[in-house]
Amino acid sequence: MTHSPGKLFKQIYRAIFKDRIAALARNEIASYVVIRVLNRLSKEDLEEAVTEISPQIDGLVARNRTNIIKVLLERCQVRRASTEALTNSIAAAYGSDKNQLMLKMADISLETLTAATAPPGATDDGTPAPVVIHPKSTPSQLHGSLLAQAMLKIPGPPAQLIQNALLALPTSTILALSLYQTTTHIIQASLLPSPPNTPSNLLFRRKLINSMISPATSTTASTQPPIITLSLSSAGTHILDSLLHTTHDSHLYFFGFSLFSL
């Protein structure tokens, strides 16, 4: 399917795949072949395939088979096909609550995320705190992260869905996403300029950065400024790198002041 001549591919597609593509997309093994097929479809055939597969999005999400959804979106962008209906299906599959969409897509609960990114606690007698074994990321979390990153790169409904979901989160959750080894890549992708660099994209990044660096209302020994928390984490330092490359002078001054105050 990858290397066959165009004329032969069209014959095979119409004879075998066209009327079965939705059923094949549901199958764990056949879906890999469907991905190869999608990469070669024309705009018209791709739009028909999206129409056929869209009703299956809910089931694909429930089984954490988001790779084929990611490829559908990417091919729609390449072929300049509409992504609105597909994005609506994705939003419906993850639920209408913007506060939960990002966590559901990343396949992680807020409790697990918070526990995995919490700093080691200190004991009253000064002895070293016990080592906390954090949960490892799962394949479903990786696939969900890759889907979110791909959507952020596609202008229009896909990027807007992820942007709105991120802006709906409190600072503490965004910070936790920034520190977790899988979801940190979503925050990094959201901070980098993506074409077209429209005013709405600039406004989104400004709001997200302001939300990320907003200090807690009261800073105690257990609640340090977000910039400090990011700088002390291996995953968080990559977020800072993205921030330093995409922010204006006032934010750079704030970052420098926070870090030099350590």
Protein backbone atom coordinates (compact mmCIF):
# COMPACT_ATOMS: atom_id res chain seq x y z
CA MET A 1 0.00 0.00 0.00
CA THR A 2 2.92 2.33 0.56
CA HIS A 3 4.89 1.74 -2.62
CA SER A 4 2.32 0.52 -5.14
CA PRO A 5 1.82 2.73 -8.24
CA GLY A 6 -0.97 5.28 -7.98
CA LYS A 7 -3.28 3.55 -10.46
CA LEU A 8 -2.87 0.19 -8.75
CA PHE A 9 -3.39 1.75 -5.32
CA LYS A 10 -6.69 3.29 -6.41
CA GLN A 11 -7.91 -0.06 -7.71
CA ILE A 12 -6.97 -1.83 -4.47
CA TYR A 13 -8.52 0.92 -2.34
CA ARG A 14 -11.85 0.91 -4.15
CA ALA A 15 -12.04 -2.88 -4.28
CA ILE A 16 -11.00 -3.68 -0.70
CA PHE A 17 -10.81 -0.68 1.63
CA LYS A 18 -13.28 2.01 0.61
CA ASP A 19 -16.47 0.37 1.91
CA ARG A 20 -14.75 -1.28 4.89
CA ILE A 21 -12.47 1.48 6.12
CA ALA A 22 -14.53 2.27 9.24
CA ALA A 23 -14.64 -1.39 10.30
CA LEU A 24 -10.93 -1.84 9.60
CA ALA A 25 -10.11 1.28 11.59
CA ARG A 26 -11.68 -0.34 14.67
CA ASN A 27 -9.46 -3.39 14.40
CA GLU A 28 -6.23 -3.13 16.37
CA ILE A 29 -4.08 -4.81 13.70
CA ALA A 30 -5.86 -3.67 10.54
CA SER A 31 -5.74 -0.05 11.73
CA TYR A 32 -2.02 0.06 10.89
CA VAL A 33 -2.84 -0.79 7.30
CA VAL A 34 -5.60 1.85 7.32
CA ILE A 35 -3.02 4.45 8.39
CA ARG A 36 -0.90 3.56 5.34
CA VAL A 37 -3.97 3.87 3.16
CA LEU A 38 -4.97 7.25 4.60
CA ASN A 39 -1.51 8.62 3.82
CA ARG A 40 -2.18 8.12 0.09
CA LEU A 41 -5.80 9.19 -0.29
CA SER A 42 -6.85 12.15 -2.39
CA LYS A 43 -8.82 14.97 -0.81
CA GLU A 44 -12.15 13.59 -2.02
CA ASP A 45 -11.44 10.04 -0.83
CA LEU A 46 -10.07 11.36 2.46
CA GLU A 47 -13.22 13.38 3.12
CA GLU A 48 -15.32 10.26 2.50
CA ALA A 49 -13.08 8.27 4.84
CA VAL A 50 -13.47 10.92 7.57
CA THR A 51 -17.25 10.73 7.16
CA GLU A 52 -17.13 6.95 7.55
CA ILE A 53 -14.71 6.86 10.48
CA SER A 54 -16.10 9.82 12.48
CA PRO A 55 -18.92 7.76 14.08
CA GLN A 56 -16.22 5.37 15.35
CA ILE A 57 -14.20 8.08 17.12
CA ASP A 58 -15.93 7.48 20.43
CA GLY A 59 -14.98 3.80 20.37
CA LEU A 60 -11.42 4.54 19.26
CA VAL A 61 -10.99 6.99 22.14
CA ALA A 62 -12.47 4.51 24.63
CA ARG A 63 -9.86 1.95 23.49
CA ASN A 64 -7.06 4.56 23.50
CA ARG A 65 -6.43 3.99 19.79
CA THR A 66 -5.78 7.62 19.03
CA ASN A 67 -3.00 7.12 16.50
CA ILE A 68 -5.44 6.74 13.63
CA ILE A 69 -7.30 9.89 14.77
CA LYS A 70 -3.99 11.77 14.74
CA VAL A 71 -3.23 10.60 11.20
CA LEU A 72 -6.72 11.60 10.02
CA LEU A 73 -6.21 15.12 11.31
CA GLU A 74 -2.72 15.41 9.82
CA ARG A 75 -3.86 14.18 6.42
CA CYS A 76 -6.80 16.60 6.45
CA GLN A 77 -4.34 19.42 7.00
CA VAL A 78 -2.10 18.22 4.16
CA ARG A 79 -5.04 17.83 1.75
CA ARG A 80 -6.67 21.06 2.97
CA ALA A 81 -9.81 19.19 3.96
CA SER A 82 -12.13 20.43 6.69
CA THR A 83 -11.32 19.26 10.22
CA GLU A 84 -14.39 20.73 11.93
CA ALA A 85 -16.60 17.62 11.93
CA LEU A 86 -13.70 15.41 12.99
CA THR A 87 -12.76 17.79 15.81
CA ASN A 88 -16.39 17.88 16.99
CA SER A 89 -16.37 14.08 17.15
CA ILE A 90 -13.14 14.14 19.17
CA ALA A 91 -14.57 16.73 21.58
CA ALA A 92 -17.73 14.66 22.03
CA ALA A 93 -15.71 11.51 22.68
CA TYR A 94 -13.74 13.15 25.49
CA GLY A 95 -16.77 14.89 27.00
CA SER A 96 -18.05 18.44 27.06
CA ASP A 97 -16.20 19.50 30.23
CA LYS A 98 -13.21 21.61 29.16
CA ASN A 99 -11.68 21.22 32.62
CA GLN A 100 -11.43 17.45 32.12
CA LEU A 101 -10.71 17.17 28.39
CA MET A 102 -6.93 17.56 28.70
CA LEU A 103 -6.67 15.04 31.53
CA LYS A 104 -8.88 12.54 29.69
CA MET A 105 -6.86 12.91 26.50
CA ALA A 106 -3.65 12.37 28.49
CA ASP A 107 -5.32 9.37 30.20
CA ILE A 108 -4.35 10.47 33.69
CA SER A 109 -6.40 11.53 36.69
CA LEU A 110 -5.71 14.76 38.53
CA GLU A 111 -4.90 12.80 41.68
CA THR A 112 -2.33 10.62 39.89
CA LEU A 113 -0.85 13.63 38.10
CA THR A 114 -0.52 15.59 41.35
CA ALA A 115 1.04 12.66 43.18
CA ALA A 116 3.48 11.98 40.34
CA THR A 117 4.74 15.58 40.27
CA ALA A 118 4.65 16.41 43.98
CA PRO A 119 8.02 17.42 45.50
CA PRO A 120 9.48 15.09 48.12
CA GLY A 121 8.25 15.97 51.57
CA ALA A 122 10.49 16.87 54.48
CA THR A 123 10.38 15.19 57.85
CA ASP A 124 10.14 17.07 61.15
CA ASP A 125 13.31 15.53 62.60
CA GLY A 126 15.47 16.48 59.62
CA THR A 127 15.99 12.90 58.41
CA PRO A 128 15.79 12.29 54.64
CA ALA A 129 12.29 11.81 53.32
CA PRO A 130 11.42 8.33 52.09
CA VAL A 131 11.91 7.79 48.37
CA VAL A 132 8.61 8.02 46.52
CA ILE A 133 8.26 5.75 43.48
CA HIS A 134 6.27 7.66 40.92
CA PRO A 135 4.08 5.80 38.41
CA LYS A 136 5.56 5.29 34.96
CA SER A 137 3.87 6.71 31.90
CA THR A 138 1.74 4.33 29.88
CA PRO A 139 1.39 3.84 26.09
CA SER A 140 -2.11 5.35 26.21
CA GLN A 141 -0.71 8.47 27.87
CA LEU A 142 1.95 8.75 25.17
CA HIS A 143 -0.60 8.36 22.38
CA GLY A 144 -2.90 10.92 23.97
CA SER A 145 -0.01 13.35 24.33
CA LEU A 146 0.95 12.89 20.67
CA LEU A 147 -2.65 13.52 19.60
CA ALA A 148 -2.79 16.77 21.58
CA GLN A 149 0.55 17.91 20.17
CA ALA A 150 -0.61 17.18 16.62
CA MET A 151 -3.85 19.09 17.15
CA LEU A 152 -1.95 22.13 18.42
CA LYS A 153 -0.07 22.25 15.10
CA ILE A 154 -3.26 22.26 12.99
CA PRO A 155 -4.84 25.73 12.72
CA GLY A 156 -8.57 26.08 13.23
CA PRO A 157 -10.83 23.77 15.27
CA PRO A 158 -8.17 21.20 16.33
CA ALA A 159 -5.78 23.78 17.81
CA GLN A 160 -8.64 25.78 19.32
CA LEU A 161 -10.02 22.71 21.10
CA ILE A 162 -6.71 22.04 22.89
CA GLN A 163 -6.04 25.73 23.54
CA ASN A 164 -9.43 26.26 25.18
CA ALA A 165 -8.96 23.12 27.27
CA LEU A 166 -5.56 24.35 28.52
CA LEU A 167 -6.84 27.82 29.35
CA ALA A 168 -9.68 26.28 31.38
CA LEU A 169 -7.19 24.65 33.76
CA PRO A 170 -5.96 26.26 37.01
CA THR A 171 -2.29 27.16 37.38
CA SER A 172 -1.62 24.18 39.65
CA THR A 173 -2.83 21.68 37.03
CA ILE A 174 -0.92 23.36 34.18
CA LEU A 175 2.19 23.24 36.35
CA ALA A 176 1.65 19.56 37.09
CA LEU A 177 1.19 18.84 33.36
CA SER A 178 4.45 20.71 32.74
CA LEU A 179 6.33 18.50 35.21
CA TYR A 180 4.99 15.10 34.15
CA GLN A 181 7.27 13.35 31.67
CA THR A 182 4.56 12.66 29.07
CA THR A 183 2.27 15.67 29.30
CA THR A 184 5.14 18.17 29.45
CA HIS A 185 5.45 17.83 25.67
CA ILE A 186 1.88 19.14 25.29
CA ILE A 187 2.74 22.30 27.20
CA GLN A 188 5.97 22.71 25.22
CA ALA A 189 4.06 22.42 21.93
CA SER A 190 1.45 24.93 23.11
CA LEU A 191 4.13 27.53 23.86
CA LEU A 192 5.89 27.34 20.50
CA PRO A 193 4.59 29.59 17.70
CA SER A 194 2.77 27.60 15.03
CA PRO A 195 1.81 28.89 11.58
CA PRO A 196 -0.17 30.88 10.96
CA ASN A 197 0.99 33.08 13.82
CA THR A 198 -2.36 34.85 14.08
CA PRO A 199 -3.39 37.34 16.79
CA SER A 200 -5.57 34.64 18.35
CA ASN A 201 -2.56 32.32 18.68
CA LEU A 202 -0.51 35.12 20.20
CA LEU A 203 -3.32 35.90 22.63
CA PHE A 204 -3.59 32.24 23.62
CA ARG A 205 0.12 31.95 24.38
CA ARG A 206 0.07 35.19 26.37
CA LYS A 207 -2.85 33.93 28.48
CA LEU A 208 -1.23 30.53 29.00
CA ILE A 209 2.10 32.03 30.04
CA ASN A 210 0.39 34.40 32.46
CA SER A 211 -1.51 31.48 33.93
CA MET A 212 1.65 29.38 34.26
CA ILE A 213 3.83 31.96 35.95
CA SER A 214 1.17 33.41 38.22
CA PRO A 215 2.58 33.00 41.73
CA ALA A 216 0.47 31.51 44.47
CA THR A 217 -1.50 33.99 46.59
CA SER A 218 0.70 33.07 49.52
CA THR A 219 4.18 31.62 49.19
CA THR A 220 5.26 29.34 52.00
CA ALA A 221 8.00 26.78 52.43
CA SER A 222 5.83 24.24 50.63
CA THR A 223 4.57 26.52 47.86
CA GLN A 224 7.31 28.09 45.79
CA PRO A 225 6.90 30.25 42.70
CA PRO A 226 6.10 28.23 39.53
CA ILE A 227 9.27 29.44 37.80
CA ILE A 228 11.37 27.97 40.62
CA THR A 229 9.42 24.71 40.52
CA LEU A 230 9.99 24.40 36.77
CA SER A 231 13.70 25.20 37.06
CA LEU A 232 14.21 22.40 39.61
CA SER A 233 12.61 19.74 37.38
CA SER A 234 14.23 18.02 34.40
CA ALA A 235 10.94 18.19 32.51
CA GLY A 236 10.25 21.72 33.70
CA THR A 237 13.52 23.06 32.33
CA HIS A 238 12.32 22.24 28.81
CA ILE A 239 9.23 24.34 29.51
CA LEU A 240 11.49 27.20 30.55
CA ASP A 241 13.47 26.81 27.32
CA SER A 242 10.23 27.18 25.35
CA LEU A 243 9.21 30.17 27.44
CA LEU A 244 12.53 31.92 26.92
CA HIS A 245 12.25 31.56 23.15
CA THR A 246 8.66 32.80 22.87
CA THR A 247 8.16 35.54 25.46
CA HIS A 248 8.71 39.27 25.40
CA ASP A 249 11.08 41.35 27.51
CA SER A 250 8.79 41.83 30.52
CA HIS A 251 8.44 38.07 31.00
CA LEU A 252 12.19 37.56 30.50
CA TYR A 253 12.87 40.09 33.25
CA PHE A 254 10.43 38.27 35.56
CA PHE A 255 12.05 34.89 34.83
CA GLY A 256 15.53 36.24 35.46
CA PHE A 257 14.50 37.97 38.69
CA SER A 258 12.82 34.78 39.97
CA LEU A 259 15.80 32.56 39.17
CA PHE A 260 18.44 34.91 40.57
CA SER A 261 16.45 35.15 43.80
CA LEU A 262 17.17 31.50 44.55
